[in-house]
């Protein structure tokens, strides 16, 4: 049993649950907040390459939410796998 890895995995699981909850159950608020922040960044960072895709995400907020939900599930699975490895070890 690796106690340090187990504690780190539990903290990572809590972090993942927090953001996954936000993406799964408060998706409309998340999309509105991101749209507002993108408007601010567009004014400040006019010539930056990161601003090119902002219109795509503004028009297709469902894609952004779905992508974030998928990433959230991957992080949850990695955290759970980390907890199992923390208990049993890698071999």
PDB file of N, CA and C in Angstrom:
ATOM      1  N   UNK A   1       0.851  -1.178   0.000  1.00  0.00           N
ATOM      2  CA  UNK A   1       0.000   0.000   0.000  1.00  0.00           C
ATOM      3  C   UNK A   1       0.894   1.237   0.000  1.00  0.00           C
ATOM      4  N   UNK A   2       0.643   2.098  -0.953  1.00  0.00           N
ATOM      5  CA  UNK A   2       1.405   3.332  -1.075  1.00  0.00           C
ATOM      6  C   UNK A   2       0.528   4.481  -0.572  1.00  0.00           C
ATOM      7  N   UNK A   3       0.775   4.919   0.649  1.00  0.00           N
ATOM      8  CA  UNK A   3      -0.084   5.900   1.306  1.00  0.00           C
ATOM      9  C   UNK A   3      -0.049   7.263   0.619  1.00  0.00           C
ATOM     10  N   UNK A   4       1.115   7.710   0.199  1.00  0.00           N
ATOM     11  CA  UNK A   4       1.233   9.014  -0.458  1.00  0.00           C
ATOM     12  C   UNK A   4       0.462   9.031  -1.777  1.00  0.00           C
ATOM     13  N   UNK A   5       0.601   7.980  -2.564  1.00  0.00           N
ATOM     14  CA  UNK A   5      -0.115   7.896  -3.837  1.00  0.00           C
ATOM     15  C   UNK A   5      -1.624   7.800  -3.604  1.00  0.00           C
ATOM     16  N   UNK A   6      -2.021   7.097  -2.562  1.00  0.00           N
ATOM     17  CA  UNK A   6      -3.438   6.974  -2.228  1.00  0.00           C
ATOM     18  C   UNK A   6      -4.028   8.329  -1.848  1.00  0.00           C
ATOM     19  N   UNK A   7      -3.331   9.084  -1.029  1.00  0.00           N
ATOM     20  CA  UNK A   7      -3.819  10.408  -0.623  1.00  0.00           C
ATOM     21  C   UNK A   7      -3.892  11.345  -1.826  1.00  0.00           C
ATOM     22  N   UNK A   8      -2.872  11.305  -2.672  1.00  0.00           N
ATOM     23  CA  UNK A   8      -2.884  12.144  -3.875  1.00  0.00           C
ATOM     24  C   UNK A   8      -4.042  11.766  -4.791  1.00  0.00           C
ATOM     25  N   UNK A   9      -4.328  10.489  -4.921  1.00  0.00           N
ATOM     26  CA  UNK A   9      -5.431  10.041  -5.768  1.00  0.00           C
ATOM     27  C   UNK A   9      -6.789  10.458  -5.204  1.00  0.00           C
ATOM     28  N   UNK A  10      -6.933  10.427  -3.902  1.00  0.00           N
ATOM     29  CA  UNK A  10      -8.193  10.848  -3.276  1.00  0.00           C
ATOM     30  C   UNK A  10      -8.400  12.346  -3.461  1.00  0.00           C
ATOM     31  N   UNK A  11      -7.337  13.134  -3.316  1.00  0.00           N
ATOM     32  CA  UNK A  11      -7.445  14.573  -3.556  1.00  0.00           C
ATOM     33  C   UNK A  11      -7.791  14.845  -5.013  1.00  0.00           C
ATOM     34  N   UNK A  12      -7.161  14.118  -5.921  1.00  0.00           N
ATOM     35  CA  UNK A  12      -7.449  14.268  -7.354  1.00  0.00           C
ATOM     36  C   UNK A  12      -8.894  13.853  -7.666  1.00  0.00           C
ATOM     37  N   UNK A  13      -9.398  12.836  -6.983  1.00  0.00           N
ATOM     38  CA  UNK A  13     -10.785  12.420  -7.175  1.00  0.00           C
ATOM     39  C   UNK A  13     -11.734  13.523  -6.734  1.00  0.00           C
ATOM     40  N   UNK A  14     -11.473  14.148  -5.591  1.00  0.00           N
ATOM     41  CA  UNK A  14     -12.316  15.253  -5.132  1.00  0.00           C
ATOM     42  C   UNK A  14     -12.310  16.408  -6.120  1.00  0.00           C
ATOM     43  N   UNK A  15     -11.141  16.741  -6.631  1.00  0.00           N
ATOM     44  CA  UNK A  15     -11.013  17.802  -7.630  1.00  0.00           C
ATOM     45  C   UNK A  15     -11.803  17.451  -8.893  1.00  0.00           C
ATOM     46  N   UNK A  16     -11.694  16.210  -9.341  1.00  0.00           N
ATOM     47  CA  UNK A  16     -12.399  15.764 -10.538  1.00  0.00           C
ATOM     48  C   UNK A  16     -13.904  15.765 -10.337  1.00  0.00           C
ATOM     49  N   UNK A  17     -14.363  15.350  -9.166  1.00  0.00           N
ATOM     50  CA  UNK A  17     -15.799  15.346  -8.877  1.00  0.00           C
ATOM     51  C   UNK A  17     -16.351  16.760  -8.896  1.00  0.00           C
ATOM     52  N   UNK A  18     -15.610  17.698  -8.344  1.00  0.00           N
ATOM     53  CA  UNK A  18     -16.076  19.090  -8.305  1.00  0.00           C
ATOM     54  C   UNK A  18     -16.297  19.632  -9.712  1.00  0.00           C
ATOM     55  N   UNK A  19     -15.315  19.459 -10.581  1.00  0.00           N
ATOM     56  CA  UNK A  19     -15.458  19.996 -11.931  1.00  0.00           C
ATOM     57  C   UNK A  19     -16.419  19.180 -12.780  1.00  0.00           C
ATOM     58  N   UNK A  20     -16.476  17.883 -12.572  1.00  0.00           N
ATOM     59  CA  UNK A  20     -17.437  17.073 -13.318  1.00  0.00           C
ATOM     60  C   UNK A  20     -18.870  17.427 -12.932  1.00  0.00           C
ATOM     61  N   UNK A  21     -19.097  17.705 -11.664  1.00  0.00           N
ATOM     62  CA  UNK A  21     -20.426  18.138 -11.227  1.00  0.00           C
ATOM     63  C   UNK A  21     -20.807  19.437 -11.935  1.00  0.00           C
ATOM     64  N   UNK A  22     -19.873  20.348 -12.022  1.00  0.00           N
ATOM     65  CA  UNK A  22     -20.136  21.625 -12.681  1.00  0.00           C
ATOM     66  C   UNK A  22     -20.475  21.405 -14.153  1.00  0.00           C
ATOM     67  N   UNK A  23     -19.746  20.503 -14.828  1.00  0.00           N
ATOM     68  CA  UNK A  23     -19.986  20.260 -16.244  1.00  0.00           C
ATOM     69  C   UNK A  23     -21.249  19.454 -16.491  1.00  0.00           C
ATOM     70  N   UNK A  24     -21.613  18.548 -15.593  1.00  0.00           N
ATOM     71  CA  UNK A  24     -22.774  17.699 -15.825  1.00  0.00           C
ATOM     72  C   UNK A  24     -24.076  18.337 -15.362  1.00  0.00           C
ATOM     73  N   UNK A  25     -24.079  19.027 -14.234  1.00  0.00           N
ATOM     74  CA  UNK A  25     -25.331  19.489 -13.653  1.00  0.00           C
ATOM     75  C   UNK A  25     -25.545  20.991 -13.725  1.00  0.00           C
ATOM     76  N   UNK A  26     -24.536  21.760 -14.080  1.00  0.00           N
ATOM     77  CA  UNK A  26     -24.681  23.200 -14.234  1.00  0.00           C
ATOM     78  C   UNK A  26     -24.131  23.632 -15.590  1.00  0.00           C
ATOM     79  N   UNK A  27     -24.454  22.885 -16.612  1.00  0.00           N
ATOM     80  CA  UNK A  27     -23.873  23.112 -17.930  1.00  0.00           C
ATOM     81  C   UNK A  27     -24.308  24.446 -18.537  1.00  0.00           C
ATOM     82  N   UNK A  28     -25.544  24.856 -18.326  1.00  0.00           N
ATOM     83  CA  UNK A  28     -26.003  26.127 -18.896  1.00  0.00           C
ATOM     84  C   UNK A  28     -25.257  27.314 -18.293  1.00  0.00           C
ATOM     85  N   UNK A  29     -25.083  27.283 -16.980  1.00  0.00           N
ATOM     86  CA  UNK A  29     -24.331  28.359 -16.325  1.00  0.00           C
ATOM     87  C   UNK A  29     -22.878  28.356 -16.785  1.00  0.00           C
ATOM     88  N   UNK A  30     -22.316  27.171 -16.968  1.00  0.00           N
ATOM     89  CA  UNK A  30     -20.941  27.049 -17.437  1.00  0.00           C
ATOM     90  C   UNK A  30     -20.797  27.648 -18.834  1.00  0.00           C
ATOM     91  N   UNK A  31     -21.733  27.349 -19.718  1.00  0.00           N
ATOM     92  CA  UNK A  31     -21.663  27.873 -21.083  1.00  0.00           C
ATOM     93  C   UNK A  31     -21.810  29.398 -21.101  1.00  0.00           C
ATOM     94  N   UNK A  32     -22.706  29.933 -20.281  1.00  0.00           N
ATOM     95  CA  UNK A  32     -22.877  31.392 -20.220  1.00  0.00           C
ATOM     96  C   UNK A  32     -21.618  32.072 -19.683  1.00  0.00           C
ATOM     97  N   UNK A  33     -21.027  31.496 -18.649  1.00  0.00           N
ATOM     98  CA  UNK A  33     -19.818  32.063 -18.067  1.00  0.00           C
ATOM     99  C   UNK A  33     -18.665  32.041 -19.071  1.00  0.00           C
ATOM    100  N   UNK A  34     -18.518  30.940 -19.779  1.00  0.00           N
ATOM    101  CA  UNK A  34     -17.447  30.853 -20.772  1.00  0.00           C
ATOM    102  C   UNK A  34     -17.657  31.829 -21.913  1.00  0.00           C
ATOM    103  N   UNK A  35     -18.882  32.002 -22.349  1.00  0.00           N
ATOM    104  CA  UNK A  35     -19.154  32.944 -23.429  1.00  0.00           C
ATOM    105  C   UNK A  35     -18.799  34.363 -22.995  1.00  0.00           C
ATOM    106  N   UNK A  36     -19.127  34.703 -21.755  1.00  0.00           N
ATOM    107  CA  UNK A  36     -18.806  36.031 -21.231  1.00  0.00           C
ATOM    108  C   UNK A  36     -17.293  36.228 -21.140  1.00  0.00           C
ATOM    109  N   UNK A  37     -16.586  35.225 -20.634  1.00  0.00           N
ATOM    110  CA  UNK A  37     -15.132  35.323 -20.512  1.00  0.00           C
ATOM    111  C   UNK A  37     -14.465  35.389 -21.887  1.00  0.00           C
ATOM    112  N   UNK A  38     -14.988  34.657 -22.863  1.00  0.00           N
ATOM    113  CA  UNK A  38     -14.413  34.711 -24.209  1.00  0.00           C
ATOM    114  C   UNK A  38     -14.548  36.100 -24.816  1.00  0.00           C
ATOM    115  N   UNK A  39     -15.645  36.778 -24.555  1.00  0.00           N
ATOM    116  CA  UNK A  39     -15.806  38.154 -25.041  1.00  0.00           C
ATOM    117  C   UNK A  39     -14.723  39.063 -24.460  1.00  0.00           C
ATOM    118  N   UNK A  40     -14.448  38.897 -23.164  1.00  0.00           N
ATOM    119  CA  UNK A  40     -13.401  39.704 -22.533  1.00  0.00           C
ATOM    120  C   UNK A  40     -12.028  39.383 -23.123  1.00  0.00           C
ATOM    121  N   UNK A  41     -11.731  38.108 -23.317  1.00  0.00           N
ATOM    122  CA  UNK A  41     -10.435  37.719 -23.867  1.00  0.00           C
ATOM    123  C   UNK A  41     -10.281  38.183 -25.313  1.00  0.00           C
ATOM    124  N   UNK A  42     -11.364  38.175 -26.055  1.00  0.00           N
ATOM    125  CA  UNK A  42     -11.321  38.601 -27.451  1.00  0.00           C
ATOM    126  C   UNK A  42     -10.902  40.071 -27.552  1.00  0.00           C
ATOM    127  N   UNK A  43     -11.348  40.876 -26.599  1.00  0.00           N
ATOM    128  CA  UNK A  43     -10.969  42.295 -26.602  1.00  0.00           C
ATOM    129  C   UNK A  43      -9.501  42.480 -26.219  1.00  0.00           C
ATOM    130  N   UNK A  44      -9.032  41.704 -25.256  1.00  0.00           N
ATOM    131  CA  UNK A  44      -7.664  41.861 -24.768  1.00  0.00           C
ATOM    132  C   UNK A  44      -6.638  41.197 -25.682  1.00  0.00           C
ATOM    133  N   UNK A  45      -6.967  40.034 -26.222  1.00  0.00           N
ATOM    134  CA  UNK A  45      -6.004  39.222 -26.969  1.00  0.00           C
ATOM    135  C   UNK A  45      -6.387  39.138 -28.437  1.00  0.00           C
ATOM    136  N   UNK A  46      -6.500  40.257 -29.087  1.00  0.00           N
ATOM    137  CA  UNK A  46      -7.020  40.282 -30.452  1.00  0.00           C
ATOM    138  C   UNK A  46      -6.156  39.486 -31.423  1.00  0.00           C
ATOM    139  N   UNK A  47      -4.838  39.573 -31.318  1.00  0.00           N
ATOM    140  CA  UNK A  47      -3.963  38.920 -32.286  1.00  0.00           C
ATOM    141  C   UNK A  47      -3.454  37.552 -31.839  1.00  0.00           C
ATOM    142  N   UNK A  48      -3.948  37.033 -30.748  1.00  0.00           N
ATOM    143  CA  UNK A  48      -3.481  35.737 -30.263  1.00  0.00           C
ATOM    144  C   UNK A  48      -4.165  34.607 -31.028  1.00  0.00           C
ATOM    145  N   UNK A  49      -3.456  33.523 -31.313  1.00  0.00           N
ATOM    146  CA  UNK A  49      -4.074  32.420 -32.077  1.00  0.00           C
ATOM    147  C   UNK A  49      -5.190  31.708 -31.324  1.00  0.00           C
ATOM    148  N   UNK A  50      -5.235  31.820 -29.996  1.00  0.00           N
ATOM    149  CA  UNK A  50      -6.274  31.145 -29.228  1.00  0.00           C
ATOM    150  C   UNK A  50      -7.652  31.746 -29.482  1.00  0.00           C
ATOM    151  N   UNK A  51      -7.724  32.943 -30.014  1.00  0.00           N
ATOM    152  CA  UNK A  51      -9.025  33.584 -30.236  1.00  0.00           C
ATOM    153  C   UNK A  51      -9.701  33.112 -31.515  1.00  0.00           C
ATOM    154  N   UNK A  52      -9.027  32.318 -32.318  1.00  0.00           N
ATOM    155  CA  UNK A  52      -9.609  31.892 -33.595  1.00  0.00           C
ATOM    156  C   UNK A  52     -10.815  30.983 -33.411  1.00  0.00           C
ATOM    157  N   UNK A  53     -10.803  30.123 -32.427  1.00  0.00           N
ATOM    158  CA  UNK A  53     -11.881  29.151 -32.240  1.00  0.00           C
ATOM    159  C   UNK A  53     -12.993  29.653 -31.330  1.00  0.00           C
ATOM    160  N   UNK A  54     -12.917  30.877 -30.864  1.00  0.00           N
ATOM    161  CA  UNK A  54     -13.932  31.368 -29.937  1.00  0.00           C
ATOM    162  C   UNK A  54     -15.308  31.414 -30.583  1.00  0.00           C
ATOM    163  N   UNK A  55     -15.392  31.802 -31.840  1.00  0.00           N
ATOM    164  CA  UNK A  55     -16.693  31.842 -32.501  1.00  0.00           C
ATOM    165  C   UNK A  55     -17.285  30.449 -32.639  1.00  0.00           C
ATOM    166  N   UNK A  56     -16.450  29.451 -32.875  1.00  0.00           N
ATOM    167  CA  UNK A  56     -16.953  28.085 -32.988  1.00  0.00           C
ATOM    168  C   UNK A  56     -17.601  27.643 -31.682  1.00  0.00           C
ATOM    169  N   UNK A  57     -16.949  27.906 -30.561  1.00  0.00           N
ATOM    170  CA  UNK A  57     -17.502  27.499 -29.273  1.00  0.00           C
ATOM    171  C   UNK A  57     -18.723  28.333 -28.894  1.00  0.00           C
ATOM    172  N   UNK A  58     -18.773  29.586 -29.313  1.00  0.00           N
ATOM    173  CA  UNK A  58     -19.965  30.401 -29.049  1.00  0.00           C
ATOM    174  C   UNK A  58     -21.168  29.863 -29.814  1.00  0.00           C
ATOM    175  N   UNK A  59     -20.947  29.409 -31.023  1.00  0.00           N
ATOM    176  CA  UNK A  59     -22.048  28.898 -31.839  1.00  0.00           C
ATOM    177  C   UNK A  59     -22.416  27.461 -31.488  1.00  0.00           C
ATOM    178  N   UNK A  60     -21.465  26.687 -31.013  1.00  0.00           N
ATOM    179  CA  UNK A  60     -21.685  25.270 -30.700  1.00  0.00           C
ATOM    180  C   UNK A  60     -21.336  24.994 -29.246  1.00  0.00           C
ATOM    181  N   UNK A  61     -22.107  25.551 -28.348  1.00  0.00           N
ATOM    182  CA  UNK A  61     -21.797  25.360 -26.925  1.00  0.00           C
ATOM    183  C   UNK A  61     -22.013  23.915 -26.485  1.00  0.00           C
ATOM    184  N   UNK A  62     -22.879  23.185 -27.180  1.00  0.00           N
ATOM    185  CA  UNK A  62     -23.095  21.776 -26.848  1.00  0.00           C
ATOM    186  C   UNK A  62     -21.844  20.938 -27.076  1.00  0.00           C
ATOM    187  N   UNK A  63     -21.083  21.279 -28.104  1.00  0.00           N
ATOM    188  CA  UNK A  63     -19.829  20.566 -28.367  1.00  0.00           C
ATOM    189  C   UNK A  63     -18.833  20.791 -27.238  1.00  0.00           C
ATOM    190  N   UNK A  64     -18.725  22.024 -26.794  1.00  0.00           N
ATOM    191  CA  UNK A  64     -17.804  22.343 -25.708  1.00  0.00           C
ATOM    192  C   UNK A  64     -18.202  21.625 -24.416  1.00  0.00           C
ATOM    193  N   UNK A  65     -19.484  21.618 -24.116  1.00  0.00           N
ATOM    194  CA  UNK A  65     -19.959  20.947 -22.906  1.00  0.00           C
ATOM    195  C   UNK A  65     -19.724  19.443 -23.003  1.00  0.00           C
ATOM    196  N   UNK A  66     -20.022  18.861 -24.158  1.00  0.00           N
ATOM    197  CA  UNK A  66     -19.794  17.431 -24.348  1.00  0.00           C
ATOM    198  C   UNK A  66     -18.326  17.053 -24.242  1.00  0.00           C
ATOM    199  N   UNK A  67     -17.467  17.890 -24.811  1.00  0.00           N
ATOM    200  CA  UNK A  67     -16.035  17.640 -24.728  1.00  0.00           C
ATOM    201  C   UNK A  67     -15.566  17.698 -23.270  1.00  0.00           C
ATOM    202  N   UNK A  68     -16.035  18.677 -22.519  1.00  0.00           N
ATOM    203  CA  UNK A  68     -15.642  18.795 -21.114  1.00  0.00           C
ATOM    204  C   UNK A  68     -16.204  17.657 -20.276  1.00  0.00           C
ATOM    205  N   UNK A  69     -17.399  17.181 -20.603  1.00  0.00           N
ATOM    206  CA  UNK A  69     -17.951  16.039 -19.878  1.00  0.00           C
ATOM    207  C   UNK A  69     -17.119  14.790 -20.121  1.00  0.00           C
ATOM    208  N   UNK A  70     -16.692  14.599 -21.354  1.00  0.00           N
ATOM    209  CA  UNK A  70     -15.841  13.449 -21.668  1.00  0.00           C
ATOM    210  C   UNK A  70     -14.515  13.503 -20.938  1.00  0.00           C
ATOM    211  N   UNK A  71     -13.896  14.669 -20.909  1.00  0.00           N
ATOM    212  CA  UNK A  71     -12.639  14.838 -20.193  1.00  0.00           C
ATOM    213  C   UNK A  71     -12.849  14.610 -18.691  1.00  0.00           C
ATOM    214  N   UNK A  72     -13.980  15.086 -18.166  1.00  0.00           N
ATOM    215  CA  UNK A  72     -14.288  14.866 -16.755  1.00  0.00           C
ATOM    216  C   UNK A  72     -14.416  13.390 -16.423  1.00  0.00           C
ATOM    217  N   UNK A  73     -15.053  12.629 -17.301  1.00  0.00           N
ATOM    218  CA  UNK A  73     -15.175  11.185 -17.064  1.00  0.00           C
ATOM    219  C   UNK A  73     -13.816  10.500 -17.102  1.00  0.00           C
ATOM    220  N   UNK A  74     -12.956  10.927 -18.008  1.00  0.00           N
ATOM    221  CA  UNK A  74     -11.619  10.340 -18.073  1.00  0.00           C
ATOM    222  C   UNK A  74     -10.857  10.624 -16.780  1.00  0.00           C
ATOM    223  N   UNK A  75     -10.946  11.862 -16.278  1.00  0.00           N
ATOM    224  CA  UNK A  75     -10.259  12.192 -15.032  1.00  0.00           C
ATOM    225  C   UNK A  75     -10.830  11.416 -13.853  1.00  0.00           C
ATOM    226  N   UNK A  76     -12.142  11.200 -13.832  1.00  0.00           N
ATOM    227  CA  UNK A  76     -12.727  10.385 -12.754  1.00  0.00           C
ATOM    228  C   UNK A  76     -12.213   8.949 -12.813  1.00  0.00           C
ATOM    229  N   UNK A  77     -12.145   8.385 -14.016  1.00  0.00           N
ATOM    230  CA  UNK A  77     -11.641   7.018 -14.146  1.00  0.00           C
ATOM    231  C   UNK A  77     -10.179   6.917 -13.738  1.00  0.00           C
ATOM    232  N   UNK A  78      -9.384   7.904 -14.108  1.00  0.00           N
ATOM    233  CA  UNK A  78      -7.968   7.896 -13.723  1.00  0.00           C
ATOM    234  C   UNK A  78      -7.828   8.005 -12.206  1.00  0.00           C
ATOM    235  N   UNK A  79      -8.647   8.836 -11.572  1.00  0.00           N
ATOM    236  CA  UNK A  79      -8.573   8.977 -10.117  1.00  0.00           C
ATOM    237  C   UNK A  79      -8.978   7.683  -9.416  1.00  0.00           C
ATOM    238  N   UNK A  80     -10.015   7.029  -9.897  1.00  0.00           N
ATOM    239  CA  UNK A  80     -10.437   5.757  -9.299  1.00  0.00           C
ATOM    240  C   UNK A  80      -9.373   4.692  -9.513  1.00  0.00           C
ATOM    241  N   UNK A  81      -8.787   4.661 -10.694  1.00  0.00           N
ATOM    242  CA  UNK A  81      -7.697   3.724 -10.948  1.00  0.00           C
ATOM    243  C   UNK A  81      -6.507   4.016 -10.038  1.00  0.00           C
ATOM    244  N   UNK A  82      -6.229   5.291  -9.785  1.00  0.00           N
ATOM    245  CA  UNK A  82      -5.152   5.663  -8.871  1.00  0.00           C
ATOM    246  C   UNK A  82      -5.407   5.188  -7.453  1.00  0.00           C
ATOM    247  N   UNK A  83      -6.652   5.235  -7.027  1.00  0.00           N
ATOM    248  CA  UNK A  83      -6.994   4.748  -5.682  1.00  0.00           C
ATOM    249  C   UNK A  83      -6.787   3.237  -5.594  1.00  0.00           C
ATOM    250  N   UNK A  84      -7.194   2.532  -6.631  1.00  0.00           N
ATOM    251  CA  UNK A  84      -7.000   1.072  -6.644  1.00  0.00           C
ATOM    252  C   UNK A  84      -5.514   0.744  -6.629  1.00  0.00           C
ATOM    253  N   UNK A  85      -4.739   1.454  -7.443  1.00  0.00           N
ATOM    254  CA  UNK A  85      -3.288   1.217  -7.460  1.00  0.00           C
ATOM    255  C   UNK A  85      -2.676   1.613  -6.122  1.00  0.00           C
ATOM    256  N   UNK A  86      -3.191   2.657  -5.476  1.00  0.00           N
ATOM    257  CA  UNK A  86      -2.693   3.051  -4.159  1.00  0.00           C
ATOM    258  C   UNK A  86      -2.897   1.964  -3.106  1.00  0.00           C
ATOM    259  N   UNK A  87      -3.991   1.233  -3.208  1.00  0.00           N
ATOM    260  CA  UNK A  87      -4.242   0.133  -2.265  1.00  0.00           C
ATOM    261  C   UNK A  87      -3.414  -1.107  -2.585  1.00  0.00           C
ATOM    262  N   UNK A  88      -3.438  -1.506  -3.847  1.00  0.00           N
ATOM    263  CA  UNK A  88      -2.862  -2.805  -4.227  1.00  0.00           C
ATOM    264  C   UNK A  88      -1.461  -2.723  -4.820  1.00  0.00           C
ATOM    265  N   UNK A  89      -1.015  -1.568  -5.210  1.00  0.00           N
ATOM    266  CA  UNK A  89       0.281  -1.444  -5.856  1.00  0.00           C
ATOM    267  C   UNK A  89       0.156  -1.744  -7.337  1.00  0.00           C
ATOM    268  N   UNK A  90       1.174  -1.366  -8.119  1.00  0.00           N
ATOM    269  CA  UNK A  90       1.063  -1.555  -9.569  1.00  0.00           C
ATOM    270  C   UNK A  90       1.162  -3.007  -9.997  1.00  0.00           C
ATOM    271  N   UNK A  91       1.718  -3.885  -9.154  1.00  0.00           N
ATOM    272  CA  UNK A  91       1.862  -5.285  -9.556  1.00  0.00           C
ATOM    273  C   UNK A  91       1.334  -6.204  -8.496  1.00  0.00           C
TER     274      UNK A  91
END
